[in-house]
Amino acid sequence: MASNGSAYLLLDVAGTPCALPRASVAEVLPLPALHNPPAAGGWLIGFLNLGGTPVPVVDLAALLGLRPAGAAPGLYAHLVLTRGEALAYLVDRAADLVMVPGAAIRAAEEAGSLNGCVAAELVLGDRLVHALAPDRLLTLQEAARVEALTRAAAERLAALPRTA
């Protein structure tokens, strides 16, 4: 990993400390009302209407098997919008943005997590934080299904009459 360090957004995901690389995060939002079409369910909890574009929202805790799908989000829940992917992750809390020195970043075994979604372990004081690889959180089949549902949501949204 980089010897001078990297920036990470620290997250609370069902009580498990996780992090996303800062470069993969576009924005952090408080949890708004979501559109929940019938096809959504499980870890795909609905769509955020972002300026007329439906953005799929994935419950990261349910996706990682840390909490049953459909559990109500907590009081401090946030949406983490990804950069370039038009996808958002529901997390229990986006806690902090930190610089992690290169010496505190340890590569993780790709076989140690589903689809190799844990890319590294961050040693922050006495805590070990799982650094997630956003491009490996969804399998190819899951990503294809989410993409198809997003296209369908966009078509439904486009079919609605515009109001002034």
N, C-alpha and C. Protein backbone atom coordinates (compact mmCIF):
# COMPACT_ATOMS: atom_id res chain seq x y z
N MET A 1 0.84 -1.18 0.00
CA MET A 1 0.00 0.00 0.00
C MET A 1 0.88 1.24 0.00
N ALA A 2 0.28 2.41 -0.15
CA ALA A 2 1.04 3.65 -0.22
C ALA A 2 1.77 3.91 1.08
N SER A 3 3.05 4.26 0.96
CA SER A 3 3.86 4.44 2.17
C SER A 3 3.53 5.74 2.89
N ASN A 4 3.05 6.76 2.17
CA ASN A 4 2.75 8.02 2.84
C ASN A 4 1.34 8.08 3.39
N GLY A 5 0.54 7.10 3.12
CA GLY A 5 -0.80 7.02 3.70
C GLY A 5 -1.90 7.24 2.69
N SER A 6 -3.11 6.99 3.15
CA SER A 6 -4.30 7.15 2.32
C SER A 6 -5.45 7.65 3.18
N ALA A 7 -6.38 8.36 2.54
CA ALA A 7 -7.55 8.87 3.24
C ALA A 7 -8.68 7.84 3.18
N TYR A 8 -9.36 7.65 4.31
CA TYR A 8 -10.48 6.72 4.42
C TYR A 8 -11.63 7.38 5.17
N LEU A 9 -12.85 7.02 4.76
CA LEU A 9 -14.05 7.42 5.49
C LEU A 9 -14.39 6.26 6.42
N LEU A 10 -14.36 6.52 7.73
CA LEU A 10 -14.67 5.49 8.72
C LEU A 10 -16.17 5.36 8.86
N LEU A 11 -16.64 4.11 8.92
CA LEU A 11 -18.06 3.81 8.98
C LEU A 11 -18.37 2.87 10.14
N ASP A 12 -19.58 3.00 10.68
CA ASP A 12 -20.12 2.01 11.60
C ASP A 12 -21.15 1.24 10.79
N VAL A 13 -20.91 -0.06 10.63
CA VAL A 13 -21.82 -0.93 9.88
C VAL A 13 -22.28 -2.01 10.84
N ALA A 14 -23.44 -1.81 11.45
CA ALA A 14 -24.01 -2.76 12.42
C ALA A 14 -23.01 -3.06 13.54
N GLY A 15 -22.33 -2.03 14.01
CA GLY A 15 -21.38 -2.20 15.10
C GLY A 15 -20.01 -2.67 14.68
N THR A 16 -19.81 -2.92 13.39
CA THR A 16 -18.51 -3.35 12.87
C THR A 16 -17.82 -2.15 12.25
N PRO A 17 -16.60 -1.85 12.69
CA PRO A 17 -15.88 -0.72 12.09
C PRO A 17 -15.38 -1.07 10.69
N CYS A 18 -15.77 -0.27 9.72
CA CYS A 18 -15.37 -0.46 8.33
C CYS A 18 -14.91 0.89 7.79
N ALA A 19 -14.34 0.87 6.61
CA ALA A 19 -13.89 2.11 5.97
C ALA A 19 -13.98 1.96 4.46
N LEU A 20 -14.20 3.08 3.81
CA LEU A 20 -14.15 3.14 2.35
C LEU A 20 -13.05 4.12 1.97
N PRO A 21 -12.31 3.84 0.90
CA PRO A 21 -11.32 4.81 0.45
C PRO A 21 -11.99 6.14 0.12
N ARG A 22 -11.41 7.23 0.55
CA ARG A 22 -11.98 8.56 0.31
C ARG A 22 -12.20 8.79 -1.19
N ALA A 23 -11.31 8.29 -2.00
CA ALA A 23 -11.41 8.48 -3.45
C ALA A 23 -12.67 7.87 -4.05
N SER A 24 -13.29 6.91 -3.35
CA SER A 24 -14.49 6.25 -3.88
C SER A 24 -15.78 6.90 -3.40
N VAL A 25 -15.67 7.90 -2.52
CA VAL A 25 -16.85 8.54 -1.91
C VAL A 25 -17.09 9.90 -2.54
N ALA A 26 -18.31 10.10 -3.06
CA ALA A 26 -18.67 11.39 -3.63
C ALA A 26 -19.28 12.31 -2.57
N GLU A 27 -20.14 11.74 -1.70
CA GLU A 27 -20.88 12.57 -0.75
C GLU A 27 -21.47 11.70 0.35
N VAL A 28 -21.68 12.29 1.51
CA VAL A 28 -22.37 11.63 2.62
C VAL A 28 -23.63 12.44 2.91
N LEU A 29 -24.77 11.76 2.95
CA LEU A 29 -26.06 12.41 3.16
C LEU A 29 -26.78 11.82 4.36
N PRO A 30 -27.60 12.63 5.06
CA PRO A 30 -28.50 12.03 6.05
C PRO A 30 -29.51 11.17 5.30
N LEU A 31 -30.09 10.21 5.97
CA LEU A 31 -30.99 9.27 5.32
C LEU A 31 -32.31 9.95 4.94
N PRO A 32 -32.57 10.10 3.61
CA PRO A 32 -33.83 10.67 3.17
C PRO A 32 -34.87 9.57 2.96
N ALA A 33 -36.08 9.97 2.58
CA ALA A 33 -37.10 8.99 2.20
C ALA A 33 -36.67 8.35 0.89
N LEU A 34 -36.84 7.04 0.79
CA LEU A 34 -36.45 6.31 -0.40
C LEU A 34 -37.67 5.76 -1.10
N HIS A 35 -37.57 5.60 -2.43
CA HIS A 35 -38.61 4.94 -3.21
C HIS A 35 -38.34 3.44 -3.15
N ASN A 36 -39.31 2.67 -2.70
CA ASN A 36 -39.14 1.23 -2.54
C ASN A 36 -40.04 0.48 -3.51
N PRO A 37 -39.57 0.23 -4.73
CA PRO A 37 -40.39 -0.53 -5.68
C PRO A 37 -40.54 -1.98 -5.23
N PRO A 38 -41.56 -2.66 -5.73
CA PRO A 38 -41.78 -4.06 -5.33
C PRO A 38 -40.59 -4.97 -5.57
N ALA A 39 -39.78 -4.69 -6.59
CA ALA A 39 -38.64 -5.56 -6.89
C ALA A 39 -37.49 -5.38 -5.91
N ALA A 40 -37.49 -4.26 -5.17
CA ALA A 40 -36.44 -4.04 -4.17
C ALA A 40 -36.71 -4.97 -3.00
N GLY A 41 -35.73 -5.18 -2.21
CA GLY A 41 -35.89 -6.06 -1.06
C GLY A 41 -34.54 -6.65 -0.70
N GLY A 42 -34.47 -7.29 0.43
CA GLY A 42 -33.19 -7.80 0.88
C GLY A 42 -32.26 -6.64 1.15
N TRP A 43 -31.06 -6.71 0.61
CA TRP A 43 -30.10 -5.65 0.86
C TRP A 43 -30.29 -4.44 -0.06
N LEU A 44 -31.04 -4.58 -1.16
CA LEU A 44 -31.38 -3.43 -2.01
C LEU A 44 -32.64 -2.82 -1.41
N ILE A 45 -32.47 -1.72 -0.69
CA ILE A 45 -33.60 -1.21 0.09
C ILE A 45 -34.43 -0.16 -0.63
N GLY A 46 -34.01 0.24 -1.81
CA GLY A 46 -34.80 1.20 -2.57
C GLY A 46 -33.92 2.10 -3.40
N PHE A 47 -34.53 3.22 -3.84
CA PHE A 47 -33.84 4.17 -4.71
C PHE A 47 -33.97 5.57 -4.15
N LEU A 48 -32.89 6.31 -4.25
CA LEU A 48 -32.85 7.72 -3.92
C LEU A 48 -33.08 8.48 -5.21
N ASN A 49 -34.04 9.43 -5.22
CA ASN A 49 -34.27 10.26 -6.39
C ASN A 49 -33.32 11.44 -6.30
N LEU A 50 -32.28 11.40 -7.10
CA LEU A 50 -31.25 12.43 -7.07
C LEU A 50 -31.36 13.26 -8.34
N GLY A 51 -32.12 14.34 -8.26
CA GLY A 51 -32.30 15.22 -9.41
C GLY A 51 -32.96 14.53 -10.59
N GLY A 52 -33.89 13.62 -10.33
CA GLY A 52 -34.59 12.90 -11.39
C GLY A 52 -33.91 11.62 -11.82
N THR A 53 -32.79 11.28 -11.20
CA THR A 53 -32.09 10.04 -11.51
C THR A 53 -32.20 9.10 -10.33
N PRO A 54 -32.72 7.88 -10.54
CA PRO A 54 -32.80 6.93 -9.43
C PRO A 54 -31.42 6.36 -9.11
N VAL A 55 -31.04 6.43 -7.84
CA VAL A 55 -29.76 5.88 -7.39
C VAL A 55 -30.08 4.71 -6.46
N PRO A 56 -29.63 3.49 -6.80
CA PRO A 56 -29.92 2.35 -5.93
C PRO A 56 -29.21 2.49 -4.59
N VAL A 57 -29.92 2.08 -3.53
CA VAL A 57 -29.38 2.16 -2.17
C VAL A 57 -29.25 0.74 -1.61
N VAL A 58 -28.03 0.39 -1.24
CA VAL A 58 -27.71 -0.92 -0.70
C VAL A 58 -27.47 -0.80 0.79
N ASP A 59 -28.18 -1.62 1.58
CA ASP A 59 -27.94 -1.69 3.02
C ASP A 59 -26.66 -2.50 3.22
N LEU A 60 -25.57 -1.80 3.56
CA LEU A 60 -24.27 -2.45 3.64
C LEU A 60 -24.24 -3.53 4.71
N ALA A 61 -24.93 -3.32 5.84
CA ALA A 61 -24.95 -4.32 6.92
C ALA A 61 -25.64 -5.60 6.45
N ALA A 62 -26.76 -5.47 5.74
CA ALA A 62 -27.47 -6.65 5.23
C ALA A 62 -26.64 -7.34 4.15
N LEU A 63 -26.01 -6.56 3.27
CA LEU A 63 -25.19 -7.13 2.21
C LEU A 63 -24.05 -7.96 2.79
N LEU A 64 -23.42 -7.45 3.86
CA LEU A 64 -22.29 -8.14 4.47
C LEU A 64 -22.70 -9.21 5.47
N GLY A 65 -24.02 -9.40 5.66
CA GLY A 65 -24.50 -10.42 6.58
C GLY A 65 -24.33 -10.05 8.05
N LEU A 66 -24.25 -8.75 8.33
CA LEU A 66 -24.07 -8.29 9.71
C LEU A 66 -25.39 -7.99 10.41
N ARG A 67 -26.46 -7.89 9.63
CA ARG A 67 -27.79 -7.60 10.18
C ARG A 67 -28.81 -8.17 9.22
N PRO A 68 -29.93 -8.65 9.74
CA PRO A 68 -30.97 -9.18 8.84
C PRO A 68 -31.49 -8.09 7.91
N ALA A 69 -31.78 -8.48 6.67
CA ALA A 69 -32.36 -7.54 5.70
C ALA A 69 -33.68 -7.03 6.22
N GLY A 70 -33.96 -5.76 5.96
CA GLY A 70 -35.23 -5.16 6.36
C GLY A 70 -35.23 -4.55 7.75
N ALA A 71 -34.15 -4.68 8.50
CA ALA A 71 -34.09 -4.05 9.83
C ALA A 71 -34.09 -2.54 9.66
N ALA A 72 -34.76 -1.85 10.55
CA ALA A 72 -34.87 -0.39 10.47
C ALA A 72 -33.51 0.26 10.71
N PRO A 73 -33.18 1.28 9.92
CA PRO A 73 -31.91 1.98 10.14
C PRO A 73 -31.95 2.77 11.45
N GLY A 74 -30.80 3.00 12.01
CA GLY A 74 -30.70 3.73 13.27
C GLY A 74 -30.91 5.22 13.09
N LEU A 75 -30.92 5.91 14.21
CA LEU A 75 -31.16 7.35 14.24
C LEU A 75 -30.10 8.14 13.48
N TYR A 76 -28.87 7.68 13.48
CA TYR A 76 -27.76 8.42 12.85
C TYR A 76 -27.35 7.85 11.49
N ALA A 77 -28.24 7.10 10.86
CA ALA A 77 -27.92 6.46 9.58
C ALA A 77 -27.57 7.50 8.52
N HIS A 78 -26.64 7.11 7.65
CA HIS A 78 -26.22 7.96 6.54
C HIS A 78 -26.25 7.17 5.24
N LEU A 79 -26.32 7.91 4.15
CA LEU A 79 -26.12 7.34 2.83
C LEU A 79 -24.76 7.81 2.35
N VAL A 80 -23.96 6.88 1.86
CA VAL A 80 -22.66 7.21 1.28
C VAL A 80 -22.80 7.02 -0.22
N LEU A 81 -22.78 8.15 -0.95
CA LEU A 81 -22.87 8.10 -2.41
C LEU A 81 -21.48 7.81 -2.97
N THR A 82 -21.42 6.83 -3.86
CA THR A 82 -20.13 6.47 -4.44
C THR A 82 -19.80 7.38 -5.61
N ARG A 83 -18.54 7.53 -5.85
CA ARG A 83 -18.05 8.36 -6.96
C ARG A 83 -18.08 7.53 -8.24
N GLY A 84 -18.79 8.02 -9.24
CA GLY A 84 -18.76 7.39 -10.55
C GLY A 84 -19.64 6.19 -10.76
N GLU A 85 -20.17 5.57 -9.70
CA GLU A 85 -20.96 4.35 -9.89
C GLU A 85 -22.46 4.56 -9.82
N ALA A 86 -22.92 5.71 -9.38
CA ALA A 86 -24.35 5.96 -9.17
C ALA A 86 -24.95 4.89 -8.28
N LEU A 87 -24.36 4.75 -7.09
CA LEU A 87 -24.80 3.77 -6.10
C LEU A 87 -24.60 4.40 -4.73
N ALA A 88 -25.48 4.07 -3.80
CA ALA A 88 -25.34 4.58 -2.44
C ALA A 88 -25.40 3.42 -1.45
N TYR A 89 -24.64 3.54 -0.38
CA TYR A 89 -24.64 2.54 0.69
C TYR A 89 -25.26 3.14 1.94
N LEU A 90 -26.21 2.41 2.53
CA LEU A 90 -26.77 2.78 3.82
C LEU A 90 -25.83 2.25 4.89
N VAL A 91 -25.38 3.13 5.78
CA VAL A 91 -24.52 2.74 6.89
C VAL A 91 -25.13 3.28 8.18
N ASP A 92 -24.78 2.67 9.29
CA ASP A 92 -25.33 3.14 10.56
C ASP A 92 -24.79 4.52 10.92
N ARG A 93 -23.56 4.79 10.50
CA ARG A 93 -23.00 6.11 10.73
C ARG A 93 -21.73 6.28 9.92
N ALA A 94 -21.61 7.43 9.27
CA ALA A 94 -20.34 7.83 8.67
C ALA A 94 -19.65 8.64 9.76
N ALA A 95 -18.59 8.06 10.34
CA ALA A 95 -18.03 8.61 11.57
C ALA A 95 -16.99 9.70 11.36
N ASP A 96 -16.03 9.47 10.46
CA ASP A 96 -14.92 10.41 10.38
C ASP A 96 -14.13 10.17 9.10
N LEU A 97 -13.44 11.20 8.64
CA LEU A 97 -12.52 11.08 7.53
C LEU A 97 -11.12 11.16 8.11
N VAL A 98 -10.30 10.14 7.87
CA VAL A 98 -8.97 10.09 8.50
C VAL A 98 -7.90 9.77 7.46
N MET A 99 -6.70 10.24 7.74
CA MET A 99 -5.50 9.85 6.98
C MET A 99 -4.88 8.68 7.73
N VAL A 100 -4.66 7.59 7.02
CA VAL A 100 -4.08 6.40 7.63
C VAL A 100 -2.66 6.25 7.08
N PRO A 101 -1.66 6.25 7.97
CA PRO A 101 -0.28 6.08 7.49
C PRO A 101 -0.11 4.73 6.79
N GLY A 102 0.76 4.70 5.79
CA GLY A 102 1.00 3.48 5.04
C GLY A 102 1.36 2.30 5.92
N ALA A 103 2.11 2.56 7.00
CA ALA A 103 2.52 1.47 7.91
C ALA A 103 1.34 0.87 8.65
N ALA A 104 0.20 1.56 8.71
CA ALA A 104 -0.98 1.07 9.42
C ALA A 104 -1.97 0.39 8.50
N ILE A 105 -1.61 0.22 7.22
CA ILE A 105 -2.49 -0.42 6.23
C ILE A 105 -1.89 -1.77 5.88
N ARG A 106 -2.63 -2.83 6.21
CA ARG A 106 -2.17 -4.20 5.91
C ARG A 106 -3.09 -4.82 4.88
N ALA A 107 -2.50 -5.34 3.82
CA ALA A 107 -3.30 -5.99 2.78
C ALA A 107 -4.03 -7.19 3.37
N ALA A 108 -5.25 -7.40 2.94
CA ALA A 108 -6.04 -8.55 3.40
C ALA A 108 -5.99 -9.65 2.35
N GLU A 109 -6.16 -10.88 2.80
CA GLU A 109 -6.24 -12.02 1.87
C GLU A 109 -7.53 -11.90 1.08
N GLU A 110 -7.45 -11.95 -0.25
CA GLU A 110 -8.65 -11.83 -1.07
C GLU A 110 -9.64 -12.95 -0.78
N ALA A 111 -9.14 -14.13 -0.46
CA ALA A 111 -10.02 -15.26 -0.16
C ALA A 111 -10.64 -15.16 1.23
N GLY A 112 -10.23 -14.19 2.01
CA GLY A 112 -10.72 -14.07 3.37
C GLY A 112 -12.09 -13.42 3.49
N SER A 113 -12.63 -12.89 2.39
CA SER A 113 -13.96 -12.27 2.42
C SER A 113 -14.67 -12.57 1.10
N LEU A 114 -15.99 -12.51 1.12
CA LEU A 114 -16.79 -12.78 -0.06
C LEU A 114 -16.40 -11.84 -1.18
N ASN A 115 -16.03 -12.39 -2.32
CA ASN A 115 -15.66 -11.62 -3.50
C ASN A 115 -14.43 -10.73 -3.24
N GLY A 116 -13.71 -10.99 -2.14
CA GLY A 116 -12.54 -10.18 -1.80
C GLY A 116 -12.89 -8.75 -1.45
N CYS A 117 -14.09 -8.54 -0.87
CA CYS A 117 -14.57 -7.18 -0.61
C CYS A 117 -13.80 -6.47 0.50
N VAL A 118 -13.10 -7.20 1.37
CA VAL A 118 -12.23 -6.55 2.36
C VAL A 118 -10.84 -6.51 1.74
N ALA A 119 -10.41 -5.30 1.36
CA ALA A 119 -9.14 -5.13 0.65
C ALA A 119 -7.96 -4.99 1.59
N ALA A 120 -8.20 -4.45 2.78
CA ALA A 120 -7.11 -4.19 3.72
C ALA A 120 -7.65 -4.12 5.14
N GLU A 121 -6.72 -4.18 6.07
CA GLU A 121 -7.05 -3.94 7.48
C GLU A 121 -6.29 -2.70 7.90
N LEU A 122 -7.01 -1.78 8.52
CA LEU A 122 -6.41 -0.54 9.01
C LEU A 122 -6.20 -0.67 10.50
N VAL A 123 -4.99 -0.43 10.96
CA VAL A 123 -4.68 -0.47 12.38
C VAL A 123 -4.73 0.96 12.89
N LEU A 124 -5.81 1.27 13.62
CA LEU A 124 -6.02 2.62 14.15
C LEU A 124 -6.02 2.56 15.67
N GLY A 125 -4.88 2.85 16.27
CA GLY A 125 -4.74 2.71 17.71
C GLY A 125 -4.89 1.25 18.08
N ASP A 126 -5.86 0.96 18.95
CA ASP A 126 -6.09 -0.43 19.35
C ASP A 126 -7.24 -1.07 18.55
N ARG A 127 -7.71 -0.39 17.50
CA ARG A 127 -8.81 -0.91 16.68
C ARG A 127 -8.30 -1.44 15.35
N LEU A 128 -8.98 -2.46 14.87
CA LEU A 128 -8.73 -3.00 13.54
C LEU A 128 -9.98 -2.70 12.70
N VAL A 129 -9.80 -1.98 11.61
CA VAL A 129 -10.91 -1.55 10.77
C VAL A 129 -10.80 -2.22 9.41
N HIS A 130 -11.91 -2.78 8.92
CA HIS A 130 -11.95 -3.43 7.61
C HIS A 130 -12.09 -2.37 6.52
N ALA A 131 -11.08 -2.25 5.67
CA ALA A 131 -11.16 -1.34 4.54
C ALA A 131 -11.79 -2.08 3.37
N LEU A 132 -12.93 -1.59 2.93
CA LEU A 132 -13.71 -2.27 1.89
C LEU A 132 -13.28 -1.81 0.50
N ALA A 133 -13.37 -2.71 -0.45
CA ALA A 133 -13.11 -2.41 -1.86
C ALA A 133 -14.46 -2.22 -2.54
N PRO A 134 -14.86 -0.98 -2.81
CA PRO A 134 -16.20 -0.73 -3.37
C PRO A 134 -16.50 -1.51 -4.65
N ASP A 135 -15.48 -1.72 -5.49
CA ASP A 135 -15.71 -2.43 -6.75
C ASP A 135 -15.90 -3.93 -6.55
N ARG A 136 -15.71 -4.42 -5.32
CA ARG A 136 -15.89 -5.85 -5.07
C ARG A 136 -16.99 -6.13 -4.04
N LEU A 137 -17.75 -5.12 -3.65
CA LEU A 137 -18.82 -5.36 -2.68
C LEU A 137 -19.96 -6.17 -3.30
N LEU A 138 -20.27 -5.90 -4.56
CA LEU A 138 -21.31 -6.65 -5.26
C LEU A 138 -20.65 -7.62 -6.23
N THR A 139 -21.19 -8.81 -6.33
CA THR A 139 -20.71 -9.75 -7.35
C THR A 139 -21.18 -9.23 -8.72
N LEU A 140 -20.65 -9.80 -9.79
CA LEU A 140 -21.07 -9.39 -11.13
C LEU A 140 -22.57 -9.60 -11.34
N GLN A 141 -23.09 -10.73 -10.83
CA GLN A 141 -24.51 -11.02 -10.98
C GLN A 141 -25.36 -10.03 -10.18
N GLU A 142 -24.93 -9.71 -8.97
CA GLU A 142 -25.66 -8.73 -8.16
C GLU A 142 -25.65 -7.36 -8.81
N ALA A 143 -24.49 -6.95 -9.31
CA ALA A 143 -24.38 -5.64 -9.98
C ALA A 143 -25.27 -5.58 -11.22
N ALA A 144 -25.34 -6.66 -11.98
CA ALA A 144 -26.18 -6.70 -13.17
C ALA A 144 -27.66 -6.58 -12.79
N ARG A 145 -28.06 -7.25 -11.72
CA ARG A 145 -29.46 -7.17 -11.27
C ARG A 145 -29.80 -5.76 -10.81
N VAL A 146 -28.90 -5.14 -10.03
CA VAL A 146 -29.13 -3.77 -9.56
C VAL A 146 -29.21 -2.83 -10.76
N GLU A 147 -28.36 -3.01 -11.75
CA GLU A 147 -28.37 -2.16 -12.94
C GLU A 147 -29.71 -2.30 -13.68
N ALA A 148 -30.21 -3.52 -13.82
CA ALA A 148 -31.50 -3.74 -14.49
C ALA A 148 -32.64 -3.08 -13.72
N LEU A 149 -32.64 -3.22 -12.40
CA LEU A 149 -33.68 -2.59 -11.58
C LEU A 149 -33.59 -1.06 -11.63
N THR A 150 -32.38 -0.54 -11.73
CA THR A 150 -32.19 0.92 -11.83
C THR A 150 -32.74 1.43 -13.16
N ARG A 151 -32.48 0.70 -14.24
CA ARG A 151 -33.04 1.09 -15.55
C ARG A 151 -34.57 1.09 -15.49
N ALA A 152 -35.15 0.07 -14.86
CA ALA A 152 -36.61 0.01 -14.75
C ALA A 152 -37.14 1.17 -13.91
N ALA A 153 -36.45 1.52 -12.83
CA ALA A 153 -36.87 2.65 -11.99
C ALA A 153 -36.78 3.96 -12.78
N ALA A 154 -35.75 4.11 -13.60
CA ALA A 154 -35.60 5.32 -14.42
C ALA A 154 -36.73 5.42 -15.44
N GLU A 155 -37.11 4.30 -16.03
CA GLU A 155 -38.22 4.28 -16.99
C GLU A 155 -39.53 4.67 -16.32
N ARG A 156 -39.78 4.14 -15.12
CA ARG A 156 -41.00 4.50 -14.39
C ARG A 156 -41.01 5.98 -14.04
N LEU A 157 -39.87 6.50 -13.61
CA LEU A 157 -39.75 7.90 -13.23
C LEU A 157 -39.97 8.79 -14.45
N ALA A 158 -39.42 8.40 -15.60
CA ALA A 158 -39.57 9.18 -16.83
C ALA A 158 -41.01 9.19 -17.32
N ALA A 159 -41.76 8.14 -17.02
CA ALA A 159 -43.14 8.03 -17.48
C ALA A 159 -44.11 8.92 -16.68
N LEU A 160 -43.67 9.37 -15.51
CA LEU A 160 -44.53 10.22 -14.69
C LEU A 160 -44.65 11.61 -15.29
N PRO A 161 -45.85 12.22 -15.19
CA PRO A 161 -45.98 13.60 -15.69
C PRO A 161 -45.16 14.54 -14.81
N ARG A 162 -44.56 15.51 -15.44
CA ARG A 162 -43.75 16.49 -14.69
C ARG A 162 -44.69 17.52 -14.08
N THR A 163 -44.37 17.92 -12.86
CA THR A 163 -45.17 18.94 -12.18
C THR A 163 -44.34 20.22 -12.11
N ALA A 164 -45.04 21.33 -12.11
CA ALA A 164 -44.34 22.63 -12.08
C ALA A 164 -43.96 23.02 -10.69
